[in-house]
Protein backbone atom coordinates (compact mmCIF):
# COMPACT_ATOMS: atom_id res chain seq x y z
CA MET A 1 -0.05 0.13 -0.13
CA SER A 2 1.45 3.27 -0.92
CA HIS A 3 1.79 6.34 1.39
CA GLN A 4 -0.76 9.15 1.25
CA GLN A 5 0.56 12.55 2.12
CA HIS A 6 -1.89 14.74 3.96
CA SER A 7 -1.62 18.02 5.65
CA SER A 8 -3.67 19.32 8.56
CA LYS A 9 -4.54 22.69 9.84
CA ARG A 10 -6.26 24.02 12.88
CA ALA A 11 -9.90 23.80 12.60
CA SER A 12 -9.93 27.28 13.75
CA GLY A 13 -7.50 28.58 11.40
CA LYS A 14 -4.92 29.26 14.16
CA GLY A 15 -1.64 27.56 14.74
CA PRO A 16 1.08 26.23 12.28
CA GLU A 17 0.46 23.32 9.79
CA ILE A 18 1.52 19.79 10.74
CA HIS A 19 2.22 17.56 7.79
CA TYR A 20 1.71 13.80 8.14
CA GLU A 21 1.22 10.56 6.31
CA VAL A 22 -1.41 7.90 7.10
CA GLU A 23 -1.67 4.38 6.06
CA GLY A 24 -3.42 1.17 7.41
CA ARG A 25 -6.42 0.29 9.31
CA GLY A 26 -7.23 -0.24 12.85
CA GLN A 27 -6.30 1.35 16.07
CA PRO A 28 -4.46 4.51 15.54
CA VAL A 29 -0.67 4.65 16.16
CA VAL A 30 1.11 8.13 15.95
CA LEU A 31 4.88 7.97 15.34
CA VAL A 32 6.88 11.10 16.42
CA HIS A 33 10.50 11.53 15.19
CA GLY A 34 13.36 12.95 17.13
CA LEU A 35 15.81 15.92 16.71
CA SER A 36 16.35 17.04 13.07
CA GLY A 37 14.27 14.00 12.01
CA SER A 38 11.09 13.40 9.79
CA SER A 39 8.69 10.88 9.09
CA ARG A 40 11.25 8.95 6.83
CA TRP A 41 12.98 7.73 9.95
CA TRP A 42 10.07 5.09 10.25
CA ARG A 43 10.68 3.65 6.81
CA HIS A 44 11.52 0.27 7.95
CA ASN A 45 8.69 0.10 10.46
CA LEU A 46 5.58 1.22 8.62
CA ASN A 47 4.49 -2.06 6.57
CA PRO A 48 4.67 -4.33 9.61
CA LEU A 49 2.72 -1.84 11.81
CA THR A 50 -0.02 -1.15 9.10
CA GLU A 51 -0.72 -4.81 9.12
CA HIS A 52 -2.42 -4.31 12.55
CA PHE A 53 -2.91 -0.51 12.89
CA GLN A 54 -3.77 2.84 11.29
CA VAL A 55 -0.29 4.55 11.43
CA TYR A 56 0.15 8.30 11.48
CA THR A 57 3.85 9.50 10.93
CA VAL A 58 4.08 13.23 11.55
CA ASN A 59 6.61 15.84 10.79
CA LEU A 60 7.08 18.14 13.69
CA ILE A 61 6.84 21.99 13.21
CA GLY A 62 10.06 22.98 11.74
CA PHE A 63 11.28 19.35 10.36
CA GLY A 64 10.56 17.46 7.52
CA SER A 65 7.74 18.45 5.12
CA SER A 66 6.49 20.75 8.14
CA ARG A 67 9.73 22.77 8.04
CA ARG A 68 7.98 25.72 6.52
CA SER A 69 5.22 25.79 9.10
CA GLY A 70 7.04 27.70 11.68
CA ARG A 71 9.84 27.49 14.23
CA PHE A 72 10.18 24.57 16.40
CA VAL A 73 9.58 25.32 20.06
CA LEU A 74 9.79 22.18 22.34
CA SER A 75 7.65 23.51 24.96
CA GLU A 76 4.82 23.92 22.42
CA ALA A 77 5.13 20.68 20.55
CA ALA A 78 2.90 18.45 22.87
CA ALA A 79 -0.03 20.87 22.73
CA GLN A 80 0.41 21.21 18.86
CA LEU A 81 0.23 17.40 18.43
CA CYS A 82 -2.80 17.26 20.86
CA GLU A 83 -4.58 19.83 18.67
CA TRP A 84 -3.58 18.05 15.65
CA MET A 85 -5.22 15.01 17.03
CA LYS A 86 -8.42 16.91 17.63
CA ASP A 87 -8.43 18.28 14.34
CA LEU A 88 -8.30 14.71 12.66
CA GLY A 89 -10.89 13.41 15.17
CA ILE A 90 -8.31 11.00 16.83
CA ARG A 91 -9.77 10.69 20.36
CA LYS A 92 -7.04 8.22 21.68
CA ALA A 93 -3.90 6.76 20.15
CA HIS A 94 -0.98 4.62 20.92
CA LEU A 95 2.05 6.95 20.90
CA VAL A 96 5.51 5.90 19.73
CA GLY A 97 8.25 8.59 20.34
CA HIS A 98 11.94 8.27 19.25
CA SER A 99 14.58 10.39 21.29
CA MET A 100 13.08 14.09 21.41
CA GLY A 101 9.81 12.56 20.07
CA GLY A 102 9.70 10.28 23.05
CA LEU A 103 9.87 13.35 25.35
CA ILE A 104 7.23 15.10 23.54
CA CYS A 105 4.85 11.88 23.68
CA ALA A 106 5.55 11.42 27.38
CA GLU A 107 4.38 15.01 28.21
CA ILE A 108 1.42 14.19 26.22
CA ALA A 109 0.65 11.08 28.33
CA ALA A 110 1.27 13.12 31.41
CA VAL A 111 -0.81 16.18 30.72
CA GLU A 112 -3.52 14.84 28.65
CA PRO A 113 -3.62 11.04 29.66
CA GLU A 114 -6.90 10.43 28.16
CA ARG A 115 -5.57 10.81 24.73
CA VAL A 116 -2.96 8.03 25.05
CA ASP A 117 -3.82 4.37 24.83
CA ARG A 118 -0.26 2.98 25.30
CA LEU A 119 3.18 4.68 25.07
CA VAL A 120 6.29 3.40 23.49
CA LEU A 121 9.46 5.53 24.30
CA VAL A 122 12.47 4.63 22.02
CA ASN A 123 15.85 5.85 23.46
CA ALA A 124 14.01 8.67 24.70
CA THR A 125 15.91 12.03 25.74
CA ILE A 126 13.68 12.30 28.99
CA ILE A 127 16.06 11.91 31.85
CA PRO A 128 18.28 15.07 31.38
CA PHE A 129 21.83 14.59 30.38
CA LYS A 130 24.89 15.36 32.77
CA TRP A 131 27.44 15.94 30.16
CA GLY A 132 26.47 19.35 28.71
CA TYR A 133 26.84 20.82 25.16
CA PHE A 134 30.48 19.43 24.42
CA GLY A 135 29.87 16.24 26.08
CA HIS A 136 26.80 15.46 24.20
CA GLY A 137 28.50 16.52 20.93
CA PHE A 138 31.29 14.17 21.57
CA ARG A 139 28.91 11.14 22.36
CA MET A 140 27.08 12.03 19.06
CA ALA A 141 30.57 11.75 17.21
CA ARG A 142 31.19 8.47 18.71
CA ALA A 143 27.73 7.25 17.65
CA LEU A 144 27.71 8.33 14.19
CA PRO A 145 30.16 5.78 12.75
CA GLN A 146 27.76 3.08 13.92
CA VAL A 147 24.90 4.24 12.30
CA PRO A 148 24.12 2.45 8.81
CA LEU A 149 25.35 4.72 5.88
CA ALA A 150 21.82 4.81 4.33
CA PHE A 151 20.38 6.25 7.62
CA LEU A 152 23.17 8.82 7.70
CA VAL A 153 22.12 10.14 4.37
CA VAL A 154 18.53 10.58 5.62
CA LEU A 155 19.79 12.18 8.77
CA ALA A 156 22.10 14.51 6.65
CA THR A 157 19.24 15.50 4.42
CA ASP A 158 16.78 16.00 7.12
CA THR A 159 19.28 18.27 8.92
CA LEU A 160 19.98 20.40 5.86
CA ARG A 161 16.37 20.64 5.00
CA ALA A 162 15.51 21.89 8.57
CA GLY A 163 18.57 24.18 8.71
CA PRO A 164 21.46 23.49 10.91
CA TRP A 165 20.87 26.91 13.16
CA ALA A 166 17.24 25.40 13.46
CA VAL A 167 18.45 22.17 14.79
CA TRP A 168 21.06 23.82 16.93
CA GLN A 169 18.21 25.85 18.53
CA ALA A 170 16.06 22.78 18.98
CA ALA A 171 19.06 20.93 20.63
CA ARG A 172 19.56 23.77 23.17
CA GLN A 173 15.85 23.52 24.13
CA LEU A 174 16.12 19.66 24.29
CA LEU A 175 19.19 19.65 26.60
CA ALA A 176 17.51 22.14 29.12
CA ALA A 177 14.17 20.37 29.12
CA ASP A 178 13.18 18.42 32.21
CA ILE A 179 9.76 16.73 32.59
CA ARG A 180 10.76 14.29 35.32
CA PRO A 181 8.15 15.71 37.84
CA ARG A 182 5.26 14.98 35.34
CA LEU A 183 6.30 11.48 34.74
CA GLU A 184 4.49 9.98 37.74
CA LEU A 185 1.25 11.38 36.21
CA ILE A 186 1.51 8.94 33.02
CA ARG A 187 -1.19 6.37 33.49
CA ALA A 188 -0.52 4.52 30.13
CA PRO A 189 1.02 1.24 30.00
CA THR A 190 4.60 2.14 28.79
CA LEU A 191 7.28 0.22 26.67
CA ALA A 192 10.79 1.73 26.68
CA ILE A 193 12.82 0.41 23.98
CA TRP A 194 16.66 0.96 24.13
CA GLY A 195 19.57 0.10 21.68
CA ALA A 196 22.18 -1.55 23.70
CA ARG A 197 25.18 0.43 22.11
CA ASP A 198 23.44 3.85 22.41
CA HIS A 199 26.36 6.55 23.27
CA ILE A 200 23.91 9.49 23.00
CA VAL A 201 21.26 8.33 25.35
CA PRO A 202 22.74 5.32 27.21
CA LYS A 203 20.49 2.53 28.53
CA SER A 204 21.12 3.27 31.94
CA LEU A 205 18.79 6.42 31.41
CA GLY A 206 16.26 4.03 30.01
CA ALA A 207 16.41 2.08 33.30
CA GLN A 208 15.98 5.19 35.26
CA LEU A 209 12.96 6.16 33.07
CA VAL A 210 11.10 2.83 33.81
CA SER A 211 11.86 3.03 37.55
CA VAL A 212 9.79 6.48 37.59
CA ILE A 213 7.01 5.75 35.31
CA LYS A 214 4.36 3.25 36.72
CA ASN A 215 3.35 0.24 34.81
CA ALA A 216 6.60 0.58 32.62
CA ARG A 217 9.28 -2.11 31.36
CA LEU A 218 12.29 -1.95 29.49
CA VAL A 219 13.30 -3.80 26.52
CA VAL A 220 17.13 -3.62 25.36
CA ILE A 221 17.93 -4.40 21.54
CA ASP A 222 21.32 -5.75 21.15
CA ASP A 223 23.41 -4.79 17.98
CA ALA A 224 21.63 -1.40 18.05
CA GLY A 225 22.50 2.10 18.98
CA HIS A 226 20.27 5.26 19.13
CA VAL A 227 17.95 4.31 16.25
CA PRO A 228 17.04 0.83 16.72
CA MET A 229 13.91 0.98 14.64
CA TRP A 230 16.27 1.31 11.57
CA GLU A 231 19.25 -0.69 12.93
CA GLN A 232 17.43 -3.76 14.08
CA PRO A 233 13.78 -3.20 12.54
CA VAL A 234 12.75 -6.73 12.83
CA LYS A 235 13.35 -7.03 16.53
CA PHE A 236 12.03 -3.35 17.21
CA ASN A 237 8.88 -4.14 15.00
CA THR A 238 8.27 -7.43 16.84
CA SER A 239 8.53 -5.74 20.25
CA VAL A 240 6.26 -2.68 19.45
CA ILE A 241 3.61 -4.84 17.92
CA ASP A 242 3.70 -7.48 20.59
CA PHE A 243 3.35 -4.69 23.28
CA LEU A 244 0.59 -2.93 21.56
CA ARG A 245 -1.56 -6.03 20.87
CA ASP A 246 -0.93 -7.67 24.37
CA GLU A 247 -4.37 -8.21 25.60
CA ALA A 248 -2.85 -9.12 29.11
CA ILE A 249 -2.01 -5.43 29.47
CA GLU A 250 -5.49 -4.38 28.95
CA ASP A 251 -6.77 -6.64 31.53
CA GLN A 252 -4.35 -5.12 33.94
CA GLN A 253 -5.72 -1.80 33.09
CA ALA A 254 -9.18 -2.92 33.65
CA ALA A 255 -8.58 -4.67 37.10
């Protein structure tokens, strides 16, 4: 099935335009990319997911095909996605967020829990870093050689499309963000997926994350770094689909 490109505007005519793609049928799943990313980061996950769900891949304001919709503001991103869901009539959805997208999805789950069925956080940048700008840059430099060349091409293209200055401004916002006080408000069953070789957001931060969120568990994928959905897509897709379709979790919620 081919992807269908759509764009959404606020029903009231206010706010920026979010571009997205939608494919498949079933319960809605929203995939949210990370810093300097786009909907293309989920290229290896769409077909398996759309066999079971209606999958929306969004481009955050300032990135991907939404790069001309306005300037990215991290503190506004969660509210913008909630408005986007309302505009499309998505009452409740599974949210899957990678890296910075995981932080945004976690904030939605904390602030508007009625909108989130289940939550998947992929190498999410939620627990603040302790190593500052230069330390983070060093870790990124260590991580890049391990990333598949095809992904590096996508990363470089998306970064150039968004603009290096815009990416830097978003990175500054991300490194300063701290939503830990809100994590205890999350009620949705949560799966944290981590690449074992992530030098940017190490799996120790994933362990801290699931210790704070109620009803959360951690799955570590070997032979993967910061982008396990691209580096080990079969293991990633299996973990996500099994979690989202697990009826035992629903029974726990109802109990």
